[in-house]
Amino acid sequence: MTLLWALRSPCAFACPHCYFGTIEEHKEAGLPEQAGVLSHLSRSDLSAQALAAFARTLVGSPVERVIIAGGEPLDWPATLGIISLIKDAGCQVVIATNGVPLTRPHITDRLVTLGVDGVSVSLDSADADTNDQMRPSRSGRFGYDDVLDGIGTLLRARGDRPTPRVGIYTVVTRSRPQEITDVARLATDIGVDYYVPQPISLPPDHRLFDALSHTAGDVAGVDEQLHRLYRDPRGLTLPNPSYLRRFVAAISSHDSGRVPGCFGGASLFFIQPDGSVWDCPSDRRIAATPPERQRTIRDGDARTLFANRPTGTDCALFSRDCVNMWPLVEDMPQLLNVGVRP
């Protein structure tokens, strides 16, 4: 079983497509009140003590892997202590980061010492200016060059050790399908291990939906780039080839659909910074969760919280979030364990 655990809300970046929204939007309109809707301005993040208490209950639980996310988890000093507890429980740990904290050697050295299994870095373009437009620093101090510096710092700290495996995640937008192969070339050049391009997932009422989200007319260009990537992965570990089909199918339509044997609520759960537990991060699935099924890790125990899970049930709430979750559950063992770059 995999936990996608968003530890903290704050982040130094202001990505306009972020699933947390933007600070500017929430300062103007106020914090969202709907269940499961996140904000970088959240005042309800659990304390380090509460998170540590839950992490200690992972021992003997069904949880095998924890994906640590945010906000930016590595900007919060307590994260390293939480990671230590998760590793002590015998779980795999993968960090999802914007990459800038990796420029600090004390962080990369500790990640190596703790035995973190994987570090997934977000980079949305092989072109510095384009990436920094997609992923702008709120202070204007950080950007593309710092991300590459952080990856290099981690790889040097790892040395000839097999872990942590280091990967790049790229959000692919409708106007730049070429990033699928351009970022792959960059990833090979800087020496990372795995690579996951992802279709952008925005709700239809998002202000950037029309500009960034794929339409059926974009399928051919994306399909061509994905096939080029899989024909020549350039030594990178990629998700299973079936991911190519899922990616293309997901961008062909924005309509809901049926997901047979969905792993949400069976082998995947999502924990928000306030401790709320959901079957998965899909806004559709969260909105459909009745109040009596809403849960929290606050004073909770992983050994009972995730007991008696179904093996996978059909879900009628397909969204592009589903495609983006697939590598975290089905493909992560491959991304972490298949080969080690020489």
C-alpha atoms as a PDB file:
ATOM      1  CA  MET A   1       0.000   0.000   0.000  1.00  0.00           C
ATOM      2  CA  THR A   2       1.203   3.498  -0.889  1.00  0.00           C
ATOM      3  CA  LEU A   3       0.596   6.737   0.991  1.00  0.00           C
ATOM      4  CA  LEU A   4       0.866  10.028  -0.856  1.00  0.00           C
ATOM      5  CA  TRP A   5       1.490  12.239   2.183  1.00  0.00           C
ATOM      6  CA  ALA A   6       1.505  16.021   1.751  1.00  0.00           C
ATOM      7  CA  LEU A   7       3.264  17.061   4.942  1.00  0.00           C
ATOM      8  CA  ARG A   8       3.172  20.849   4.701  1.00  0.00           C
ATOM      9  CA  SER A   9       1.343  23.505   2.698  1.00  0.00           C
ATOM     10  CA  PRO A  10       3.944  26.278   2.112  1.00  0.00           C
ATOM     11  CA  CYS A  11       6.127  26.402  -1.003  1.00  0.00           C
ATOM     12  CA  ALA A  12       8.545  29.036  -2.308  1.00  0.00           C
ATOM     13  CA  PHE A  13       7.237  28.594  -5.841  1.00  0.00           C
ATOM     14  CA  ALA A  14       4.035  30.013  -7.327  1.00  0.00           C
ATOM     15  CA  CYS A  15       3.251  27.531 -10.087  1.00  0.00           C
ATOM     16  CA  PRO A  16      -0.051  28.739 -11.609  1.00  0.00           C
ATOM     17  CA  HIS A  17      -1.139  25.142 -12.285  1.00  0.00           C
ATOM     18  CA  CYS A  18      -0.432  23.896  -8.743  1.00  0.00           C
ATOM     19  CA  TYR A  19      -3.153  21.779  -7.136  1.00  0.00           C
ATOM     20  CA  PHE A  20      -2.755  23.936  -4.005  1.00  0.00           C
ATOM     21  CA  GLY A  21      -3.854  27.005  -5.966  1.00  0.00           C
ATOM     22  CA  THR A  22      -1.864  30.213  -5.549  1.00  0.00           C
ATOM     23  CA  ILE A  23      -1.319  32.407  -2.514  1.00  0.00           C
ATOM     24  CA  GLU A  24      -2.400  35.473  -4.491  1.00  0.00           C
ATOM     25  CA  GLU A  25      -5.741  33.902  -5.444  1.00  0.00           C
ATOM     26  CA  HIS A  26      -6.495  32.877  -1.877  1.00  0.00           C
ATOM     27  CA  LYS A  27      -5.423  36.222  -0.412  1.00  0.00           C
ATOM     28  CA  GLU A  28      -7.910  37.911  -2.721  1.00  0.00           C
ATOM     29  CA  ALA A  29     -10.791  35.446  -2.572  1.00  0.00           C
ATOM     30  CA  GLY A  30     -10.198  33.891   0.844  1.00  0.00           C
ATOM     31  CA  LEU A  31      -9.261  30.341   1.782  1.00  0.00           C
ATOM     32  CA  PRO A  32     -11.298  27.626   0.037  1.00  0.00           C
ATOM     33  CA  GLU A  33     -13.817  25.905   2.269  1.00  0.00           C
ATOM     34  CA  GLN A  34     -14.641  22.806   0.223  1.00  0.00           C
ATOM     35  CA  ALA A  35     -13.502  19.463   1.608  1.00  0.00           C
ATOM     36  CA  GLY A  36     -10.149  18.435   0.204  1.00  0.00           C
ATOM     37  CA  VAL A  37      -9.331  21.769  -1.489  1.00  0.00           C
ATOM     38  CA  LEU A  38      -5.809  22.843  -0.557  1.00  0.00           C
ATOM     39  CA  SER A  39      -4.082  26.174  -0.022  1.00  0.00           C
ATOM     40  CA  HIS A  40      -0.486  27.241   0.526  1.00  0.00           C
ATOM     41  CA  LEU A  41      -1.970  29.631   3.131  1.00  0.00           C
ATOM     42  CA  SER A  42      -3.397  26.800   5.226  1.00  0.00           C
ATOM     43  CA  ARG A  43      -3.317  27.483   8.945  1.00  0.00           C
ATOM     44  CA  SER A  44      -4.396  23.968   9.854  1.00  0.00           C
ATOM     45  CA  ASP A  45      -1.275  21.923   9.059  1.00  0.00           C
ATOM     46  CA  LEU A  46      -0.642  19.294  11.718  1.00  0.00           C
ATOM     47  CA  SER A  47       2.220  19.856  14.123  1.00  0.00           C
ATOM     48  CA  ALA A  48       5.478  17.957  13.898  1.00  0.00           C
ATOM     49  CA  GLN A  49       4.493  16.115  17.072  1.00  0.00           C
ATOM     50  CA  ALA A  50       1.190  14.924  15.587  1.00  0.00           C
ATOM     51  CA  LEU A  51       2.859  13.820  12.359  1.00  0.00           C
ATOM     52  CA  ALA A  52       5.585  11.977  14.254  1.00  0.00           C
ATOM     53  CA  ALA A  53       3.012  10.215  16.406  1.00  0.00           C
ATOM     54  CA  PHE A  54       1.258   8.891  13.312  1.00  0.00           C
ATOM     55  CA  ALA A  55       4.525   7.942  11.605  1.00  0.00           C
ATOM     56  CA  ARG A  56       5.407   5.719  14.577  1.00  0.00           C
ATOM     57  CA  THR A  57       2.220   3.697  13.960  1.00  0.00           C
ATOM     58  CA  LEU A  58       3.408   2.690  10.480  1.00  0.00           C
ATOM     59  CA  VAL A  59       5.324  -0.194  12.072  1.00  0.00           C
ATOM     60  CA  GLY A  60       3.313  -3.345  11.403  1.00  0.00           C
ATOM     61  CA  SER A  61       0.802  -1.483   9.210  1.00  0.00           C
ATOM     62  CA  PRO A  62      -0.109  -2.328   5.592  1.00  0.00           C
ATOM     63  CA  VAL A  63       1.847   0.708   4.354  1.00  0.00           C
ATOM     64  CA  GLU A  64       4.847  -0.293   2.244  1.00  0.00           C
ATOM     65  CA  ARG A  65       5.726   3.003   0.557  1.00  0.00           C
ATOM     66  CA  VAL A  66       5.320   6.679   1.465  1.00  0.00           C
ATOM     67  CA  ILE A  67       5.577   9.461  -1.105  1.00  0.00           C
ATOM     68  CA  ILE A  68       6.442  12.636   0.825  1.00  0.00           C
ATOM     69  CA  ALA A  69       5.038  15.723  -0.894  1.00  0.00           C
ATOM     70  CA  GLY A  70       3.902  19.226  -0.070  1.00  0.00           C
ATOM     71  CA  GLY A  71       3.934  22.176  -0.664  1.00  0.00           C
ATOM     72  CA  GLU A  72       7.676  21.811  -0.469  1.00  0.00           C
ATOM     73  CA  PRO A  73       8.458  19.225   2.227  1.00  0.00           C
ATOM     74  CA  LEU A  74      12.221  19.778   2.383  1.00  0.00           C
ATOM     75  CA  ASP A  75      11.863  23.449   3.343  1.00  0.00           C
ATOM     76  CA  TRP A  76      10.469  22.310   6.715  1.00  0.00           C
ATOM     77  CA  PRO A  77      13.228  21.080   9.078  1.00  0.00           C
ATOM     78  CA  ALA A  78      10.911  18.595  10.819  1.00  0.00           C
ATOM     79  CA  THR A  79      10.499  16.638   7.573  1.00  0.00           C
ATOM     80  CA  LEU A  80      13.848  14.887   7.982  1.00  0.00           C
ATOM     81  CA  GLY A  81      12.805  13.589  11.388  1.00  0.00           C
ATOM     82  CA  ILE A  82       9.504  12.312   9.984  1.00  0.00           C
ATOM     83  CA  ILE A  83      11.394  10.560   7.172  1.00  0.00           C
ATOM     84  CA  SER A  84      13.627   8.886   9.745  1.00  0.00           C
ATOM     85  CA  LEU A  85      10.584   7.496  11.569  1.00  0.00           C
ATOM     86  CA  ILE A  86       9.049   6.232   8.319  1.00  0.00           C
ATOM     87  CA  LYS A  87      12.281   4.469   7.358  1.00  0.00           C
ATOM     88  CA  ASP A  88      12.510   2.975  10.867  1.00  0.00           C
ATOM     89  CA  ALA A  89       9.047   1.513  10.227  1.00  0.00           C
ATOM     90  CA  GLY A  90      10.453  -0.395   7.251  1.00  0.00           C
ATOM     91  CA  CYS A  91       8.728   1.639   4.534  1.00  0.00           C
ATOM     92  CA  GLN A  92      10.148   2.867   1.262  1.00  0.00           C
ATOM     93  CA  VAL A  93      10.333   6.662   1.102  1.00  0.00           C
ATOM     94  CA  VAL A  94      10.209   8.799  -2.031  1.00  0.00           C
ATOM     95  CA  ILE A  95      10.471  12.599  -1.806  1.00  0.00           C
ATOM     96  CA  ALA A  96       8.636  14.862  -4.264  1.00  0.00           C
ATOM     97  CA  THR A  97      10.456  18.202  -4.329  1.00  0.00           C
ATOM     98  CA  ASN A  98      10.865  21.359  -6.383  1.00  0.00           C
ATOM     99  CA  GLY A  99      14.607  20.659  -6.230  1.00  0.00           C
ATOM    100  CA  VAL A 100      15.841  23.898  -4.671  1.00  0.00           C
ATOM    101  CA  PRO A 101      16.330  22.515  -1.127  1.00  0.00           C
ATOM    102  CA  LEU A 102      18.681  19.925  -2.635  1.00  0.00           C
ATOM    103  CA  THR A 103      21.228  22.703  -3.171  1.00  0.00           C
ATOM    104  CA  ARG A 104      21.853  22.550   0.597  1.00  0.00           C
ATOM    105  CA  PRO A 105      24.453  19.817   1.218  1.00  0.00           C
ATOM    106  CA  HIS A 106      23.263  19.140   4.759  1.00  0.00           C
ATOM    107  CA  ILE A 107      19.894  18.099   3.319  1.00  0.00           C
ATOM    108  CA  THR A 108      21.252  15.889   0.541  1.00  0.00           C
ATOM    109  CA  ASP A 109      23.754  14.248   2.896  1.00  0.00           C
ATOM    110  CA  ARG A 110      20.964  13.466   5.347  1.00  0.00           C
ATOM    111  CA  LEU A 111      18.701  12.025   2.645  1.00  0.00           C
ATOM    112  CA  VAL A 112      21.503   9.665   1.658  1.00  0.00           C
ATOM    113  CA  THR A 113      22.236   8.740   5.275  1.00  0.00           C
ATOM    114  CA  LEU A 114      18.574   8.073   6.015  1.00  0.00           C
ATOM    115  CA  GLY A 115      18.381   5.660   3.089  1.00  0.00           C
ATOM    116  CA  VAL A 116      15.680   7.508   1.175  1.00  0.00           C
ATOM    117  CA  ASP A 117      14.723   5.329  -1.769  1.00  0.00           C
ATOM    118  CA  GLY A 118      13.853   7.965  -4.357  1.00  0.00           C
ATOM    119  CA  VAL A 119      13.804  11.710  -4.957  1.00  0.00           C
ATOM    120  CA  SER A 120      11.467  13.010  -7.674  1.00  0.00           C
ATOM    121  CA  VAL A 121      12.254  16.542  -8.841  1.00  0.00           C
ATOM    122  CA  SER A 122       9.768  18.735 -10.705  1.00  0.00           C
ATOM    123  CA  LEU A 123      11.073  20.334 -13.897  1.00  0.00           C
ATOM    124  CA  ASP A 124       8.622  21.375 -16.593  1.00  0.00           C
ATOM    125  CA  SER A 125      10.892  22.418 -19.450  1.00  0.00           C
ATOM    126  CA  ALA A 126      14.386  21.875 -20.785  1.00  0.00           C
ATOM    127  CA  ASP A 127      14.423  25.601 -21.554  1.00  0.00           C
ATOM    128  CA  ALA A 128      15.281  27.765 -18.539  1.00  0.00           C
ATOM    129  CA  ASP A 129      12.972  30.674 -19.353  1.00  0.00           C
ATOM    130  CA  THR A 130      10.009  28.440 -20.166  1.00  0.00           C
ATOM    131  CA  ASN A 131      10.470  26.415 -16.993  1.00  0.00           C
ATOM    132  CA  ASP A 132      10.680  29.534 -14.850  1.00  0.00           C
ATOM    133  CA  GLN A 133       7.473  30.866 -16.383  1.00  0.00           C
ATOM    134  CA  MET A 134       5.751  27.590 -15.558  1.00  0.00           C
ATOM    135  CA  ARG A 135       7.355  27.369 -12.122  1.00  0.00           C
ATOM    136  CA  PRO A 136       8.046  30.953 -10.958  1.00  0.00           C
ATOM    137  CA  SER A 137       9.783  31.624  -7.669  1.00  0.00           C
ATOM    138  CA  ARG A 138       7.654  33.798  -5.393  1.00  0.00           C
ATOM    139  CA  SER A 139      10.759  35.735  -4.310  1.00  0.00           C
ATOM    140  CA  GLY A 140      12.371  35.753  -7.731  1.00  0.00           C
ATOM    141  CA  ARG A 141      15.500  34.214  -6.205  1.00  0.00           C
ATOM    142  CA  PHE A 142      15.240  30.646  -7.467  1.00  0.00           C
ATOM    143  CA  GLY A 143      14.723  28.872 -10.759  1.00  0.00           C
ATOM    144  CA  TYR A 144      15.886  26.406 -13.364  1.00  0.00           C
ATOM    145  CA  ASP A 145      19.606  26.682 -12.618  1.00  0.00           C
ATOM    146  CA  ASP A 146      19.025  26.053  -8.916  1.00  0.00           C
ATOM    147  CA  VAL A 147      16.974  22.938  -9.697  1.00  0.00           C
ATOM    148  CA  LEU A 148      19.780  21.509 -11.831  1.00  0.00           C
ATOM    149  CA  ASP A 149      22.294  22.464  -9.138  1.00  0.00           C
ATOM    150  CA  GLY A 150      20.174  20.645  -6.555  1.00  0.00           C
ATOM    151  CA  ILE A 151      20.018  17.491  -8.650  1.00  0.00           C
ATOM    152  CA  GLY A 152      23.779  17.601  -9.112  1.00  0.00           C
ATOM    153  CA  THR A 153      24.356  18.119  -5.385  1.00  0.00           C
ATOM    154  CA  LEU A 154      22.224  15.070  -4.571  1.00  0.00           C
ATOM    155  CA  LEU A 155      23.932  12.893  -7.170  1.00  0.00           C
ATOM    156  CA  ARG A 156      27.356  13.858  -5.805  1.00  0.00           C
ATOM    157  CA  ALA A 157      26.203  13.106  -2.252  1.00  0.00           C
ATOM    158  CA  ARG A 158      24.939   9.712  -3.392  1.00  0.00           C
ATOM    159  CA  GLY A 159      28.223   8.869  -5.066  1.00  0.00           C
ATOM    160  CA  ASP A 160      28.386   5.203  -6.024  1.00  0.00           C
ATOM    161  CA  ARG A 161      25.546   4.183  -3.693  1.00  0.00           C
ATOM    162  CA  PRO A 162      22.446   2.699  -5.338  1.00  0.00           C
ATOM    163  CA  THR A 163      20.038   5.065  -3.515  1.00  0.00           C
ATOM    164  CA  PRO A 164      18.364   7.393  -3.561  1.00  0.00           C
ATOM    165  CA  ARG A 165      17.255   6.924  -7.118  1.00  0.00           C
ATOM    166  CA  VAL A 166      16.791  10.363  -8.659  1.00  0.00           C
ATOM    167  CA  GLY A 167      14.095  11.233 -11.176  1.00  0.00           C
ATOM    168  CA  ILE A 168      12.424  14.120 -12.976  1.00  0.00           C
ATOM    169  CA  TYR A 169       8.680  14.690 -13.280  1.00  0.00           C
ATOM    170  CA  THR A 170       7.485  16.975 -16.078  1.00  0.00           C
ATOM    171  CA  VAL A 171       4.010  18.480 -16.418  1.00  0.00           C
ATOM    172  CA  VAL A 172       3.207  18.498 -20.142  1.00  0.00           C
ATOM    173  CA  THR A 173       0.977  21.275 -21.496  1.00  0.00           C
ATOM    174  CA  ARG A 174      -0.873  21.437 -24.800  1.00  0.00           C
ATOM    175  CA  SER A 175       1.475  23.955 -26.454  1.00  0.00           C
ATOM    176  CA  ARG A 176       4.727  22.127 -25.701  1.00  0.00           C
ATOM    177  CA  PRO A 177       4.513  18.379 -26.417  1.00  0.00           C
ATOM    178  CA  GLN A 178       8.207  18.501 -27.370  1.00  0.00           C
ATOM    179  CA  GLU A 179       9.091  18.806 -23.678  1.00  0.00           C
ATOM    180  CA  ILE A 180       8.418  15.063 -23.396  1.00  0.00           C
ATOM    181  CA  THR A 181      11.591  14.288 -25.329  1.00  0.00           C
ATOM    182  CA  ASP A 182      13.497  17.517 -24.639  1.00  0.00           C
ATOM    183  CA  VAL A 183      13.430  16.981 -20.870  1.00  0.00           C
ATOM    184  CA  ALA A 184      14.343  13.324 -21.379  1.00  0.00           C
ATOM    185  CA  ARG A 185      17.513  14.395 -23.184  1.00  0.00           C
ATOM    186  CA  LEU A 186      18.324  16.827 -20.386  1.00  0.00           C
ATOM    187  CA  ALA A 187      17.653  14.146 -17.763  1.00  0.00           C
ATOM    188  CA  THR A 188      20.099  11.816 -19.458  1.00  0.00           C
ATOM    189  CA  ASP A 189      22.725  14.532 -19.747  1.00  0.00           C
ATOM    190  CA  ILE A 190      22.642  15.370 -16.036  1.00  0.00           C
ATOM    191  CA  GLY A 191      22.615  11.711 -14.987  1.00  0.00           C
ATOM    192  CA  VAL A 192      19.239  11.081 -13.375  1.00  0.00           C
ATOM    193  CA  ASP A 193      17.755   7.590 -13.177  1.00  0.00           C
ATOM    194  CA  TYR A 194      14.060   7.834 -14.047  1.00  0.00           C
ATOM    195  CA  TYR A 195      11.686  10.146 -15.845  1.00  0.00           C
ATOM    196  CA  VAL A 196       7.910  10.607 -15.774  1.00  0.00           C
ATOM    197  CA  PRO A 197       6.118  13.046 -18.115  1.00  0.00           C
ATOM    198  CA  GLN A 198       2.586  13.817 -16.901  1.00  0.00           C
ATOM    199  CA  PRO A 199      -0.462  15.356 -18.581  1.00  0.00           C
ATOM    200  CA  ILE A 200      -1.483  18.599 -16.921  1.00  0.00           C
ATOM    201  CA  SER A 201      -4.634  18.165 -14.844  1.00  0.00           C
ATOM    202  CA  LEU A 202      -6.765  21.268 -14.302  1.00  0.00           C
ATOM    203  CA  PRO A 203     -10.453  21.580 -13.446  1.00  0.00           C
ATOM    204  CA  PRO A 204     -12.541  23.017 -16.320  1.00  0.00           C
ATOM    205  CA  ASP A 205     -13.187  26.244 -14.385  1.00  0.00           C
ATOM    206  CA  HIS A 206      -9.456  26.932 -13.881  1.00  0.00           C
ATOM    207  CA  ARG A 207      -8.405  30.233 -15.475  1.00  0.00           C
ATOM    208  CA  LEU A 208      -5.633  28.452 -17.433  1.00  0.00           C
ATOM    209  CA  PHE A 209      -7.695  25.472 -18.533  1.00  0.00           C
ATOM    210  CA  ASP A 210      -8.129  26.555 -22.153  1.00  0.00           C
ATOM    211  CA  ALA A 211      -4.512  27.662 -22.517  1.00  0.00           C
ATOM    212  CA  LEU A 212      -2.792  24.660 -20.951  1.00  0.00           C
ATOM    213  CA  SER A 213      -5.093  21.627 -20.998  1.00  0.00           C
ATOM    214  CA  HIS A 214      -4.986  19.214 -23.905  1.00  0.00           C
ATOM    215  CA  THR A 215      -7.838  18.729 -26.311  1.00  0.00           C
ATOM    216  CA  ALA A 216      -8.548  15.842 -28.656  1.00  0.00           C
ATOM    217  CA  GLY A 217      -6.763  17.804 -31.368  1.00  0.00           C
ATOM    218  CA  ASP A 218      -3.509  17.650 -29.403  1.00  0.00           C
ATOM    219  CA  VAL A 219      -3.430  13.867 -29.161  1.00  0.00           C
ATOM    220  CA  ALA A 220      -1.411  13.204 -32.316  1.00  0.00           C
ATOM    221  CA  GLY A 221       1.454  15.498 -31.311  1.00  0.00           C
ATOM    222  CA  VAL A 222       1.650  14.081 -27.798  1.00  0.00           C
ATOM    223  CA  ASP A 223       1.419  10.510 -29.058  1.00  0.00           C
ATOM    224  CA  GLU A 224       4.323  11.101 -31.439  1.00  0.00           C
ATOM    225  CA  GLN A 225       6.538  12.475 -28.664  1.00  0.00           C
ATOM    226  CA  LEU A 226       5.667   9.636 -26.277  1.00  0.00           C
ATOM    227  CA  HIS A 227       6.463   6.997 -28.881  1.00  0.00           C
ATOM    228  CA  ARG A 228       9.795   8.699 -29.610  1.00  0.00           C
ATOM    229  CA  LEU A 229      10.568   8.615 -25.890  1.00  0.00           C
ATOM    230  CA  TYR A 230       9.737   4.941 -25.492  1.00  0.00           C
ATOM    231  CA  ARG A 231      11.605   3.949 -28.651  1.00  0.00           C
ATOM    232  CA  ASP A 232      14.741   5.615 -27.300  1.00  0.00           C
ATOM    233  CA  PRO A 233      14.594   6.117 -23.508  1.00  0.00           C
ATOM    234  CA  ARG A 234      18.276   7.130 -23.532  1.00  0.00           C
ATOM    235  CA  GLY A 235      19.062   4.910 -20.549  1.00  0.00           C
ATOM    236  CA  LEU A 236      16.292   6.361 -18.387  1.00  0.00           C
ATOM    237  CA  THR A 237      13.863   4.140 -16.505  1.00  0.00           C
ATOM    238  CA  LEU A 238      10.320   5.001 -17.609  1.00  0.00           C
ATOM    239  CA  PRO A 239       6.898   3.899 -16.393  1.00  0.00           C
ATOM    240  CA  ASN A 240       5.615   0.645 -17.857  1.00  0.00           C
ATOM    241  CA  PRO A 241       4.774   1.048 -21.588  1.00  0.00           C
ATOM    242  CA  SER A 242       1.079   0.777 -20.716  1.00  0.00           C
ATOM    243  CA  TYR A 243       1.465   4.280 -19.244  1.00  0.00           C
ATOM    244  CA  LEU A 244       1.825   5.606 -22.804  1.00  0.00           C
ATOM    245  CA  ARG A 245      -1.658   4.324 -23.627  1.00  0.00           C
ATOM    246  CA  ARG A 246      -3.116   5.770 -20.415  1.00  0.00           C
ATOM    247  CA  PHE A 247      -1.527   9.165 -21.051  1.00  0.00           C
ATOM    248  CA  VAL A 248      -2.967   9.383 -24.561  1.00  0.00           C
ATOM    249  CA  ALA A 249      -6.395   8.126 -23.479  1.00  0.00           C
ATOM    250  CA  ALA A 250      -6.513  10.665 -20.654  1.00  0.00           C
ATOM    251  CA  ILE A 251      -5.949  13.690 -22.889  1.00  0.00           C
ATOM    252  CA  SER A 252      -8.458  12.519 -25.477  1.00  0.00           C
ATOM    253  CA  SER A 253     -11.408  13.623 -23.339  1.00  0.00           C
ATOM    254  CA  HIS A 254     -12.184  15.708 -20.246  1.00  0.00           C
ATOM    255  CA  ASP A 255     -15.291  13.713 -19.447  1.00  0.00           C
ATOM    256  CA  SER A 256     -15.568  11.473 -16.425  1.00  0.00           C
ATOM    257  CA  GLY A 257     -15.256   7.788 -17.077  1.00  0.00           C
ATOM    258  CA  ARG A 258     -15.165   4.428 -15.382  1.00  0.00           C
ATOM    259  CA  VAL A 259     -11.952   3.106 -13.814  1.00  0.00           C
ATOM    260  CA  PRO A 260     -12.220  -0.667 -13.332  1.00  0.00           C
ATOM    261  CA  GLY A 261     -10.503  -2.021 -10.226  1.00  0.00           C
ATOM    262  CA  CYS A 262      -9.350   1.448  -9.094  1.00  0.00           C
ATOM    263  CA  PHE A 263      -6.480   1.384  -6.576  1.00  0.00           C
ATOM    264  CA  GLY A 264      -7.722   4.534  -4.797  1.00  0.00           C
ATOM    265  CA  GLY A 265      -8.824   3.462  -1.328  1.00  0.00           C
ATOM    266  CA  ALA A 266      -7.320   0.024  -1.877  1.00  0.00           C
ATOM    267  CA  SER A 267      -3.574   0.369  -2.458  1.00  0.00           C
ATOM    268  CA  LEU A 268      -3.365   4.182  -2.474  1.00  0.00           C
ATOM    269  CA  PHE A 269      -4.393   6.834   0.047  1.00  0.00           C
ATOM    270  CA  PHE A 270      -3.792  10.590   0.110  1.00  0.00           C
ATOM    271  CA  ILE A 271      -3.070  12.516   3.323  1.00  0.00           C
ATOM    272  CA  GLN A 272      -3.440  16.300   3.345  1.00  0.00           C
ATOM    273  CA  PRO A 273      -1.333  18.627   5.537  1.00  0.00           C
ATOM    274  CA  ASP A 274      -4.250  18.970   7.968  1.00  0.00           C
ATOM    275  CA  GLY A 275      -4.272  15.187   8.400  1.00  0.00           C
ATOM    276  CA  SER A 276      -7.374  14.487   6.308  1.00  0.00           C
ATOM    277  CA  VAL A 277      -7.257  11.074   4.620  1.00  0.00           C
ATOM    278  CA  TRP A 278      -8.782  10.490   1.173  1.00  0.00           C
ATOM    279  CA  ASP A 279      -8.856   7.535  -1.177  1.00  0.00           C
ATOM    280  CA  CYS A 280      -6.827   9.559  -3.705  1.00  0.00           C
ATOM    281  CA  PRO A 281      -6.104  13.210  -4.605  1.00  0.00           C
ATOM    282  CA  SER A 282      -8.807  13.384  -7.293  1.00  0.00           C
ATOM    283  CA  ASP A 283     -11.058  16.373  -6.609  1.00  0.00           C
ATOM    284  CA  ARG A 284     -13.966  14.362  -8.013  1.00  0.00           C
ATOM    285  CA  ARG A 285     -13.360  11.451  -5.663  1.00  0.00           C
ATOM    286  CA  ILE A 286     -12.892  13.759  -2.653  1.00  0.00           C
ATOM    287  CA  ALA A 287     -16.098  15.703  -3.426  1.00  0.00           C
ATOM    288  CA  ALA A 288     -17.996  12.407  -3.642  1.00  0.00           C
ATOM    289  CA  THR A 289     -16.785  11.199  -0.226  1.00  0.00           C
ATOM    290  CA  PRO A 290     -19.708  11.310   2.251  1.00  0.00           C
ATOM    291  CA  PRO A 291     -19.060  12.919   5.667  1.00  0.00           C
ATOM    292  CA  GLU A 292     -19.273   9.589   7.483  1.00  0.00           C
ATOM    293  CA  ARG A 293     -16.306   8.301   5.432  1.00  0.00           C
ATOM    294  CA  GLN A 294     -14.072  11.318   6.007  1.00  0.00           C
ATOM    295  CA  ARG A 295     -11.095  10.399   8.198  1.00  0.00           C
ATOM    296  CA  THR A 296      -7.951  11.886   9.708  1.00  0.00           C
ATOM    297  CA  ILE A 297      -4.562  10.730  10.940  1.00  0.00           C
ATOM    298  CA  ARG A 298      -4.882  13.047  13.942  1.00  0.00           C
ATOM    299  CA  ASP A 299      -4.574  10.665  16.910  1.00  0.00           C
ATOM    300  CA  GLY A 300      -4.907   7.865  14.348  1.00  0.00           C
ATOM    301  CA  ASP A 301      -3.137   4.531  13.957  1.00  0.00           C
ATOM    302  CA  ALA A 302      -2.064   3.296  10.515  1.00  0.00           C
ATOM    303  CA  ARG A 303      -2.507  -0.308  11.666  1.00  0.00           C
ATOM    304  CA  THR A 304      -6.249   0.199  12.015  1.00  0.00           C
ATOM    305  CA  LEU A 305      -6.897   3.178   9.738  1.00  0.00           C
ATOM    306  CA  PHE A 306      -5.976   1.190   6.625  1.00  0.00           C
ATOM    307  CA  ALA A 307      -7.271  -2.210   7.718  1.00  0.00           C
ATOM    308  CA  ASN A 308     -10.047  -4.064   5.867  1.00  0.00           C
ATOM    309  CA  ARG A 309      -9.388  -2.376   2.532  1.00  0.00           C
ATOM    310  CA  PRO A 310     -11.091  -3.584  -0.663  1.00  0.00           C
ATOM    311  CA  THR A 311      -8.847  -5.120  -3.297  1.00  0.00           C
ATOM    312  CA  GLY A 312      -9.953  -2.460  -5.778  1.00  0.00           C
ATOM    313  CA  THR A 313     -13.408  -1.343  -6.796  1.00  0.00           C
ATOM    314  CA  ASP A 314     -14.753   0.205  -9.968  1.00  0.00           C
ATOM    315  CA  CYS A 315     -14.813   4.014  -9.866  1.00  0.00           C
ATOM    316  CA  ALA A 316     -16.989   6.171 -12.109  1.00  0.00           C
ATOM    317  CA  LEU A 317     -15.013   9.365 -11.397  1.00  0.00           C
ATOM    318  CA  PHE A 318     -12.093   9.189 -13.816  1.00  0.00           C
ATOM    319  CA  SER A 319      -9.998  12.330 -14.229  1.00  0.00           C
ATOM    320  CA  ARG A 320      -6.481  13.077 -15.433  1.00  0.00           C
ATOM    321  CA  ASP A 321      -5.413  12.869 -11.793  1.00  0.00           C
ATOM    322  CA  CYS A 322      -5.905   9.107 -12.143  1.00  0.00           C
ATOM    323  CA  VAL A 323      -3.202   8.908 -14.822  1.00  0.00           C
ATOM    324  CA  ASN A 324      -0.792  10.946 -12.705  1.00  0.00           C
ATOM    325  CA  MET A 325      -1.266   8.604  -9.748  1.00  0.00           C
ATOM    326  CA  TRP A 326      -0.492   5.461 -11.725  1.00  0.00           C
ATOM    327  CA  PRO A 327       3.331   5.786 -11.611  1.00  0.00           C
ATOM    328  CA  LEU A 328       3.171   6.303  -7.829  1.00  0.00           C
ATOM    329  CA  VAL A 329       1.466   2.969  -7.294  1.00  0.00           C
ATOM    330  CA  GLU A 330       2.001   0.559 -10.162  1.00  0.00           C
ATOM    331  CA  ASP A 331       5.271   1.853 -11.629  1.00  0.00           C
ATOM    332  CA  MET A 332       7.215   3.074  -8.596  1.00  0.00           C
ATOM    333  CA  PRO A 333       8.800  -0.334  -7.855  1.00  0.00           C
ATOM    334  CA  GLN A 334      10.154  -0.307 -11.407  1.00  0.00           C
ATOM    335  CA  LEU A 335      11.345   3.295 -11.177  1.00  0.00           C
ATOM    336  CA  LEU A 336      13.164   2.567  -7.916  1.00  0.00           C
ATOM    337  CA  ASN A 337      14.554  -0.918  -8.533  1.00  0.00           C
ATOM    338  CA  VAL A 338      15.155  -1.602 -12.211  1.00  0.00           C
ATOM    339  CA  GLY A 339      18.878  -1.267 -12.814  1.00  0.00           C
ATOM    340  CA  VAL A 340      21.294   1.367 -11.605  1.00  0.00           C
ATOM    341  CA  ARG A 341      22.942   3.764 -13.982  1.00  0.00           C
ATOM    342  CA  PRO A 342      26.666   2.999 -14.386  1.00  0.00           C
END
